[in-house]
Amino acid sequence: MGPDVFPITATGFGPDASAHQRWRRRSKYIAEGYRWVVDLDLEKFFDRVSHDKLMARIATRVGDQRMLKLIRGF
């Protein structure tokens, strides 16, 4: 799993987390032809998601059983 799954463009707690920088970046993406913005608050997501279903999805991309065990621990 890497930038193709979780792009570096995620803005929540990045090093450039100011609102002005995020708006500039969004404007750049719109100029490049992107049309979707997804805004999520993940605070409660992991309390409500089915961990078994989530791990099954992750396992389709991660083949290393040691990594899956490490992820499941969180």
C-alpha atoms as a PDB file:
ATOM      1  CA  MET A   1       0.000   0.000   0.000  1.00  0.00           C
ATOM      2  CA  GLY A   2       1.427   3.315  -0.984  1.00  0.00           C
ATOM      3  CA  PRO A   3       0.616   6.615  -2.616  1.00  0.00           C
ATOM      4  CA  ASP A   4      -1.616   4.910  -5.172  1.00  0.00           C
ATOM      5  CA  VAL A   5      -3.935   3.878  -2.309  1.00  0.00           C
ATOM      6  CA  PHE A   6      -3.478   6.773   0.128  1.00  0.00           C
ATOM      7  CA  PRO A   7      -2.262   9.709  -1.914  1.00  0.00           C
ATOM      8  CA  ILE A   8       0.115  12.213  -0.451  1.00  0.00           C
ATOM      9  CA  THR A   9      -2.546  14.817  -1.192  1.00  0.00           C
ATOM     10  CA  ALA A  10      -4.468  13.976   1.967  1.00  0.00           C
ATOM     11  CA  THR A  11      -4.558  17.247   3.890  1.00  0.00           C
ATOM     12  CA  GLY A  12      -5.843  16.583   7.382  1.00  0.00           C
ATOM     13  CA  PHE A  13      -2.698  16.607   9.447  1.00  0.00           C
ATOM     14  CA  GLY A  14      -0.018  17.093   6.832  1.00  0.00           C
ATOM     15  CA  PRO A  15       2.915  19.407   7.221  1.00  0.00           C
ATOM     16  CA  ASP A  16       1.101  22.037   5.163  1.00  0.00           C
ATOM     17  CA  ALA A  17      -2.160  21.943   7.083  1.00  0.00           C
ATOM     18  CA  SER A  18      -3.026  25.633   6.742  1.00  0.00           C
ATOM     19  CA  ALA A  19      -6.373  26.410   5.153  1.00  0.00           C
ATOM     20  CA  HIS A  20      -4.808  28.731   2.567  1.00  0.00           C
ATOM     21  CA  GLN A  21      -2.419  26.059   1.329  1.00  0.00           C
ATOM     22  CA  ARG A  22      -5.229  23.513   1.054  1.00  0.00           C
ATOM     23  CA  TRP A  23      -7.358  25.916  -1.003  1.00  0.00           C
ATOM     24  CA  ARG A  24      -4.439  26.655  -3.328  1.00  0.00           C
ATOM     25  CA  ARG A  25      -3.861  22.954  -3.798  1.00  0.00           C
ATOM     26  CA  ARG A  26      -7.568  22.330  -4.523  1.00  0.00           C
ATOM     27  CA  SER A  27      -7.557  25.126  -7.083  1.00  0.00           C
ATOM     28  CA  LYS A  28      -4.546  23.512  -8.766  1.00  0.00           C
ATOM     29  CA  TYR A  29      -6.341  20.153  -8.923  1.00  0.00           C
ATOM     30  CA  ILE A  30      -9.444  21.742 -10.432  1.00  0.00           C
ATOM     31  CA  ALA A  31      -7.248  23.381 -13.095  1.00  0.00           C
ATOM     32  CA  GLU A  32      -5.738  19.927 -13.796  1.00  0.00           C
ATOM     33  CA  GLY A  33      -9.202  18.511 -14.462  1.00  0.00           C
ATOM     34  CA  TYR A  34     -10.060  16.831 -11.171  1.00  0.00           C
ATOM     35  CA  ARG A  35     -13.748  17.152 -10.299  1.00  0.00           C
ATOM     36  CA  TRP A  36     -14.160  15.343  -6.973  1.00  0.00           C
ATOM     37  CA  VAL A  37     -13.209  16.387  -3.458  1.00  0.00           C
ATOM     38  CA  VAL A  38     -13.791  13.955  -0.625  1.00  0.00           C
ATOM     39  CA  ASP A  39     -13.898  15.400   2.863  1.00  0.00           C
ATOM     40  CA  LEU A  40     -13.872  12.841   5.657  1.00  0.00           C
ATOM     41  CA  ASP A  41     -13.662  12.988   9.408  1.00  0.00           C
ATOM     42  CA  LEU A  42     -12.177   9.667  10.440  1.00  0.00           C
ATOM     43  CA  GLU A  43     -12.458  10.245  14.180  1.00  0.00           C
ATOM     44  CA  LYS A  44     -15.199   7.620  14.679  1.00  0.00           C
ATOM     45  CA  PHE A  45     -14.678   5.589  11.497  1.00  0.00           C
ATOM     46  CA  PHE A  46     -12.553   2.856  13.040  1.00  0.00           C
ATOM     47  CA  ASP A  47     -14.981   2.481  15.958  1.00  0.00           C
ATOM     48  CA  ARG A  48     -17.829   1.685  13.553  1.00  0.00           C
ATOM     49  CA  VAL A  49     -16.250  -0.166  10.638  1.00  0.00           C
ATOM     50  CA  SER A  50     -16.288  -3.951  10.510  1.00  0.00           C
ATOM     51  CA  HIS A  51     -12.664  -4.813  11.199  1.00  0.00           C
ATOM     52  CA  ASP A  52     -13.021  -8.224   9.558  1.00  0.00           C
ATOM     53  CA  LYS A  53     -14.296  -6.676   6.320  1.00  0.00           C
ATOM     54  CA  LEU A  54     -11.624  -3.973   6.443  1.00  0.00           C
ATOM     55  CA  MET A  55      -8.850  -6.531   6.944  1.00  0.00           C
ATOM     56  CA  ALA A  56     -10.221  -8.646   4.088  1.00  0.00           C
ATOM     57  CA  ARG A  57      -9.971  -5.598   1.780  1.00  0.00           C
ATOM     58  CA  ILE A  58      -6.471  -4.768   2.986  1.00  0.00           C
ATOM     59  CA  ALA A  59      -5.408  -8.386   2.456  1.00  0.00           C
ATOM     60  CA  THR A  60      -6.242  -8.069  -1.250  1.00  0.00           C
ATOM     61  CA  ARG A  61      -3.412  -5.511  -1.509  1.00  0.00           C
ATOM     62  CA  VAL A  62      -1.004  -6.698   1.175  1.00  0.00           C
ATOM     63  CA  GLY A  63       0.335 -10.211   0.799  1.00  0.00           C
ATOM     64  CA  ASP A  64       2.762 -10.184   3.731  1.00  0.00           C
ATOM     65  CA  GLN A  65       1.112 -12.002   6.641  1.00  0.00           C
ATOM     66  CA  ARG A  66       3.440 -10.317   9.135  1.00  0.00           C
ATOM     67  CA  MET A  67       2.269  -6.900   7.945  1.00  0.00           C
ATOM     68  CA  LEU A  68      -1.366  -7.953   8.146  1.00  0.00           C
ATOM     69  CA  LYS A  69      -0.812  -9.161  11.711  1.00  0.00           C
ATOM     70  CA  LEU A  70       0.790  -5.829  12.587  1.00  0.00           C
ATOM     71  CA  ILE A  71      -2.108  -3.877  11.052  1.00  0.00           C
ATOM     72  CA  ARG A  72      -4.692  -6.041  12.826  1.00  0.00           C
ATOM     73  CA  GLY A  73      -3.001  -5.199  16.139  1.00  0.00           C
ATOM     74  CA  PHE A  74      -4.137  -1.617  15.818  1.00  0.00           C
END
